[in-house]
Protein backbone atom coordinates (compact mmCIF):
# COMPACT_ATOMS: atom_id res chain seq x y z
CA UNK A 1 0.00 0.00 0.00
CA UNK A 2 1.33 3.43 -0.94
CA UNK A 3 1.87 5.98 1.83
CA UNK A 4 -0.84 8.39 0.60
CA UNK A 5 -3.28 5.48 0.27
CA UNK A 6 -2.55 4.50 3.88
CA UNK A 7 -3.12 8.06 5.07
CA UNK A 8 -6.39 8.30 3.12
CA UNK A 9 -7.56 4.93 4.49
CA UNK A 10 -6.88 6.11 8.05
CA UNK A 11 -8.93 9.26 7.40
CA UNK A 12 -11.76 7.10 6.05
CA UNK A 13 -11.68 4.82 9.13
CA UNK A 14 -11.81 7.85 11.45
CA UNK A 15 -14.68 9.39 9.47
CA UNK A 16 -16.65 6.13 9.67
CA UNK A 17 -16.15 6.08 13.45
CA UNK A 18 -17.40 9.69 13.77
CA UNK A 19 -14.03 11.34 14.37
CA UNK A 20 -14.23 15.13 14.70
CA UNK A 21 -12.26 17.74 12.69
CA UNK A 22 -10.07 15.23 10.85
CA UNK A 23 -7.06 16.76 9.12
CA UNK A 24 -4.44 15.20 6.87
CA UNK A 25 -1.22 17.22 6.97
CA UNK A 26 1.66 16.50 4.58
CA UNK A 27 4.90 16.91 6.55
CA UNK A 28 7.46 15.08 4.39
CA UNK A 29 9.20 18.29 3.33
CA UNK A 30 9.30 19.57 6.92
CA UNK A 31 10.52 16.58 8.93
CA UNK A 32 11.99 13.10 8.67
CA UNK A 33 9.48 11.85 11.26
CA UNK A 34 6.76 11.00 8.75
CA UNK A 35 5.23 11.87 5.41
CA UNK A 36 1.77 12.60 6.85
CA UNK A 37 0.17 13.45 10.16
CA UNK A 38 -3.49 12.54 10.58
CA UNK A 39 -5.05 14.62 13.33
CA UNK A 40 -8.48 13.93 14.76
CA UNK A 41 -10.53 14.72 17.86
CA UNK A 42 -12.86 12.51 19.83
CA UNK A 43 -15.73 13.61 22.02
CA UNK A 44 -14.61 11.77 25.17
CA UNK A 45 -11.77 9.55 26.36
CA UNK A 46 -13.93 6.52 25.50
CA UNK A 47 -14.49 7.82 21.97
CA UNK A 48 -10.77 8.65 21.58
CA UNK A 49 -9.81 5.10 22.58
CA UNK A 50 -12.46 3.69 20.22
CA UNK A 51 -11.12 5.76 17.32
CA UNK A 52 -7.54 4.62 17.91
CA UNK A 53 -8.63 1.00 18.40
CA UNK A 54 -10.62 1.07 15.16
CA UNK A 55 -7.68 2.37 13.12
CA UNK A 56 -5.41 -0.28 14.61
CA UNK A 57 -7.98 -3.08 14.13
CA UNK A 58 -8.99 -2.22 10.55
CA UNK A 59 -5.44 -1.79 9.26
CA UNK A 60 -4.36 -5.07 10.83
CA UNK A 61 -7.44 -6.95 9.62
CA UNK A 62 -7.52 -5.61 6.06
CA UNK A 63 -3.84 -4.97 5.30
CA UNK A 64 -1.81 -6.74 8.00
CA UNK A 65 -0.34 -3.36 8.96
CA UNK A 66 0.43 -2.76 12.63
CA UNK A 67 1.70 0.39 14.31
CA UNK A 68 5.39 0.60 15.07
CA UNK A 69 4.60 2.38 18.32
CA UNK A 70 1.55 3.50 20.35
CA UNK A 71 1.51 6.15 23.06
CA UNK A 72 -1.16 7.57 25.34
CA UNK A 73 -3.64 4.71 25.37
CA UNK A 74 -3.80 4.71 29.18
CA UNK A 75 -4.91 8.34 29.52
CA UNK A 76 -7.16 8.44 26.48
CA UNK A 77 -6.56 12.19 26.08
CA UNK A 78 -4.01 12.01 23.24
CA UNK A 79 -3.30 8.69 21.56
CA UNK A 80 -0.52 8.50 19.01
CA UNK A 81 -0.32 5.63 16.52
CA UNK A 82 3.00 5.56 14.67
CA UNK A 83 2.80 3.83 11.31
CA UNK A 84 6.29 5.14 10.38
CA UNK A 85 5.32 7.19 7.32
CA UNK A 86 1.93 8.14 8.75
CA UNK A 87 1.51 9.26 12.36
CA UNK A 88 -2.02 9.37 13.74
CA UNK A 89 -2.88 11.76 16.58
CA UNK A 90 -6.28 11.26 18.24
CA UNK A 91 -6.91 14.10 20.68
CA UNK A 92 -9.31 15.22 23.34
CA UNK A 93 -10.40 18.71 22.20
CA UNK A 94 -8.60 20.41 25.12
CA UNK A 95 -5.28 18.75 24.32
CA UNK A 96 -5.69 19.42 20.61
CA UNK A 97 -6.26 23.09 21.29
CA UNK A 98 -3.34 23.24 23.71
CA UNK A 99 -0.76 21.56 21.46
CA UNK A 100 -2.18 22.95 18.19
CA UNK A 101 -0.15 20.67 15.91
CA UNK A 102 -1.92 21.97 12.82
CA UNK A 103 -0.58 25.47 13.41
CA UNK A 104 2.86 24.22 14.44
CA UNK A 105 3.35 22.17 11.26
CA UNK A 106 1.73 24.72 8.97
CA UNK A 107 4.16 27.36 10.20
CA UNK A 108 7.28 25.18 10.21
CA UNK A 109 9.53 26.27 7.37
CA UNK A 110 11.28 23.86 5.06
CA UNK A 111 14.99 23.99 5.78
CA UNK A 112 17.24 23.96 2.80
C-alpha atoms as a PDB file:
ATOM      1  CA  UNK A   1       0.000   0.000   0.000  1.00  0.00           C
ATOM      2  CA  UNK A   2       1.330   3.435  -0.937  1.00  0.00           C
ATOM      3  CA  UNK A   3       1.868   5.985   1.827  1.00  0.00           C
ATOM      4  CA  UNK A   4      -0.844   8.391   0.602  1.00  0.00           C
ATOM      5  CA  UNK A   5      -3.283   5.482   0.273  1.00  0.00           C
ATOM      6  CA  UNK A   6      -2.551   4.498   3.880  1.00  0.00           C
ATOM      7  CA  UNK A   7      -3.125   8.063   5.068  1.00  0.00           C
ATOM      8  CA  UNK A   8      -6.395   8.296   3.120  1.00  0.00           C
ATOM      9  CA  UNK A   9      -7.560   4.934   4.492  1.00  0.00           C
ATOM     10  CA  UNK A  10      -6.880   6.113   8.053  1.00  0.00           C
ATOM     11  CA  UNK A  11      -8.925   9.261   7.396  1.00  0.00           C
ATOM     12  CA  UNK A  12     -11.758   7.096   6.047  1.00  0.00           C
ATOM     13  CA  UNK A  13     -11.684   4.825   9.127  1.00  0.00           C
ATOM     14  CA  UNK A  14     -11.811   7.848  11.448  1.00  0.00           C
ATOM     15  CA  UNK A  15     -14.684   9.385   9.467  1.00  0.00           C
ATOM     16  CA  UNK A  16     -16.655   6.134   9.666  1.00  0.00           C
ATOM     17  CA  UNK A  17     -16.149   6.079  13.452  1.00  0.00           C
ATOM     18  CA  UNK A  18     -17.403   9.685  13.770  1.00  0.00           C
ATOM     19  CA  UNK A  19     -14.028  11.345  14.375  1.00  0.00           C
ATOM     20  CA  UNK A  20     -14.233  15.130  14.703  1.00  0.00           C
ATOM     21  CA  UNK A  21     -12.262  17.738  12.694  1.00  0.00           C
ATOM     22  CA  UNK A  22     -10.072  15.230  10.854  1.00  0.00           C
ATOM     23  CA  UNK A  23      -7.062  16.759   9.119  1.00  0.00           C
ATOM     24  CA  UNK A  24      -4.435  15.197   6.874  1.00  0.00           C
ATOM     25  CA  UNK A  25      -1.218  17.216   6.967  1.00  0.00           C
ATOM     26  CA  UNK A  26       1.657  16.497   4.575  1.00  0.00           C
ATOM     27  CA  UNK A  27       4.904  16.912   6.546  1.00  0.00           C
ATOM     28  CA  UNK A  28       7.465  15.082   4.387  1.00  0.00           C
ATOM     29  CA  UNK A  29       9.196  18.294   3.330  1.00  0.00           C
ATOM     30  CA  UNK A  30       9.304  19.570   6.917  1.00  0.00           C
ATOM     31  CA  UNK A  31      10.518  16.580   8.932  1.00  0.00           C
ATOM     32  CA  UNK A  32      11.993  13.097   8.673  1.00  0.00           C
ATOM     33  CA  UNK A  33       9.485  11.846  11.263  1.00  0.00           C
ATOM     34  CA  UNK A  34       6.757  11.004   8.752  1.00  0.00           C
ATOM     35  CA  UNK A  35       5.226  11.871   5.411  1.00  0.00           C
ATOM     36  CA  UNK A  36       1.773  12.600   6.848  1.00  0.00           C
ATOM     37  CA  UNK A  37       0.168  13.446  10.158  1.00  0.00           C
ATOM     38  CA  UNK A  38      -3.488  12.542  10.577  1.00  0.00           C
ATOM     39  CA  UNK A  39      -5.046  14.620  13.334  1.00  0.00           C
ATOM     40  CA  UNK A  40      -8.481  13.927  14.762  1.00  0.00           C
ATOM     41  CA  UNK A  41     -10.525  14.715  17.857  1.00  0.00           C
ATOM     42  CA  UNK A  42     -12.855  12.506  19.832  1.00  0.00           C
ATOM     43  CA  UNK A  43     -15.727  13.607  22.019  1.00  0.00           C
ATOM     44  CA  UNK A  44     -14.612  11.770  25.174  1.00  0.00           C
ATOM     45  CA  UNK A  45     -11.774   9.549  26.365  1.00  0.00           C
ATOM     46  CA  UNK A  46     -13.934   6.521  25.503  1.00  0.00           C
ATOM     47  CA  UNK A  47     -14.486   7.823  21.970  1.00  0.00           C
ATOM     48  CA  UNK A  48     -10.769   8.645  21.582  1.00  0.00           C
ATOM     49  CA  UNK A  49      -9.815   5.101  22.576  1.00  0.00           C
ATOM     50  CA  UNK A  50     -12.463   3.687  20.223  1.00  0.00           C
ATOM     51  CA  UNK A  51     -11.123   5.764  17.319  1.00  0.00           C
ATOM     52  CA  UNK A  52      -7.540   4.623  17.909  1.00  0.00           C
ATOM     53  CA  UNK A  53      -8.631   1.004  18.402  1.00  0.00           C
ATOM     54  CA  UNK A  54     -10.623   1.068  15.158  1.00  0.00           C
ATOM     55  CA  UNK A  55      -7.681   2.366  13.122  1.00  0.00           C
ATOM     56  CA  UNK A  56      -5.413  -0.283  14.612  1.00  0.00           C
ATOM     57  CA  UNK A  57      -7.978  -3.077  14.130  1.00  0.00           C
ATOM     58  CA  UNK A  58      -8.993  -2.223  10.553  1.00  0.00           C
ATOM     59  CA  UNK A  59      -5.442  -1.785   9.258  1.00  0.00           C
ATOM     60  CA  UNK A  60      -4.364  -5.072  10.831  1.00  0.00           C
ATOM     61  CA  UNK A  61      -7.435  -6.951   9.619  1.00  0.00           C
ATOM     62  CA  UNK A  62      -7.524  -5.610   6.065  1.00  0.00           C
ATOM     63  CA  UNK A  63      -3.839  -4.972   5.299  1.00  0.00           C
ATOM     64  CA  UNK A  64      -1.815  -6.744   8.000  1.00  0.00           C
ATOM     65  CA  UNK A  65      -0.339  -3.360   8.964  1.00  0.00           C
ATOM     66  CA  UNK A  66       0.430  -2.759  12.630  1.00  0.00           C
ATOM     67  CA  UNK A  67       1.701   0.390  14.305  1.00  0.00           C
ATOM     68  CA  UNK A  68       5.388   0.601  15.066  1.00  0.00           C
ATOM     69  CA  UNK A  69       4.602   2.376  18.322  1.00  0.00           C
ATOM     70  CA  UNK A  70       1.554   3.495  20.347  1.00  0.00           C
ATOM     71  CA  UNK A  71       1.512   6.147  23.058  1.00  0.00           C
ATOM     72  CA  UNK A  72      -1.158   7.568  25.336  1.00  0.00           C
ATOM     73  CA  UNK A  73      -3.637   4.706  25.367  1.00  0.00           C
ATOM     74  CA  UNK A  74      -3.801   4.712  29.184  1.00  0.00           C
ATOM     75  CA  UNK A  75      -4.905   8.338  29.521  1.00  0.00           C
ATOM     76  CA  UNK A  76      -7.159   8.441  26.479  1.00  0.00           C
ATOM     77  CA  UNK A  77      -6.555  12.188  26.082  1.00  0.00           C
ATOM     78  CA  UNK A  78      -4.012  12.006  23.238  1.00  0.00           C
ATOM     79  CA  UNK A  79      -3.305   8.694  21.565  1.00  0.00           C
ATOM     80  CA  UNK A  80      -0.520   8.501  19.006  1.00  0.00           C
ATOM     81  CA  UNK A  81      -0.321   5.629  16.518  1.00  0.00           C
ATOM     82  CA  UNK A  82       3.002   5.562  14.675  1.00  0.00           C
ATOM     83  CA  UNK A  83       2.795   3.835  11.308  1.00  0.00           C
ATOM     84  CA  UNK A  84       6.292   5.141  10.384  1.00  0.00           C
ATOM     85  CA  UNK A  85       5.320   7.187   7.324  1.00  0.00           C
ATOM     86  CA  UNK A  86       1.926   8.143   8.753  1.00  0.00           C
ATOM     87  CA  UNK A  87       1.514   9.255  12.356  1.00  0.00           C
ATOM     88  CA  UNK A  88      -2.019   9.373  13.742  1.00  0.00           C
ATOM     89  CA  UNK A  89      -2.878  11.761  16.585  1.00  0.00           C
ATOM     90  CA  UNK A  90      -6.276  11.259  18.240  1.00  0.00           C
ATOM     91  CA  UNK A  91      -6.914  14.097  20.675  1.00  0.00           C
ATOM     92  CA  UNK A  92      -9.309  15.223  23.338  1.00  0.00           C
ATOM     93  CA  UNK A  93     -10.403  18.708  22.198  1.00  0.00           C
ATOM     94  CA  UNK A  94      -8.596  20.409  25.119  1.00  0.00           C
ATOM     95  CA  UNK A  95      -5.280  18.746  24.316  1.00  0.00           C
ATOM     96  CA  UNK A  96      -5.689  19.417  20.606  1.00  0.00           C
ATOM     97  CA  UNK A  97      -6.259  23.089  21.288  1.00  0.00           C
ATOM     98  CA  UNK A  98      -3.337  23.236  23.713  1.00  0.00           C
ATOM     99  CA  UNK A  99      -0.762  21.556  21.456  1.00  0.00           C
ATOM    100  CA  UNK A 100      -2.183  22.951  18.188  1.00  0.00           C
ATOM    101  CA  UNK A 101      -0.154  20.668  15.911  1.00  0.00           C
ATOM    102  CA  UNK A 102      -1.916  21.969  12.818  1.00  0.00           C
ATOM    103  CA  UNK A 103      -0.578  25.471  13.407  1.00  0.00           C
ATOM    104  CA  UNK A 104       2.857  24.218  14.441  1.00  0.00           C
ATOM    105  CA  UNK A 105       3.353  22.169  11.263  1.00  0.00           C
ATOM    106  CA  UNK A 106       1.728  24.715   8.973  1.00  0.00           C
ATOM    107  CA  UNK A 107       4.159  27.360  10.200  1.00  0.00           C
ATOM    108  CA  UNK A 108       7.279  25.180  10.214  1.00  0.00           C
ATOM    109  CA  UNK A 109       9.532  26.270   7.370  1.00  0.00           C
ATOM    110  CA  UNK A 110      11.280  23.855   5.060  1.00  0.00           C
ATOM    111  CA  UNK A 111      14.987  23.994   5.784  1.00  0.00           C
ATOM    112  CA  UNK A 112      17.237  23.959   2.799  1.00  0.00           C
END
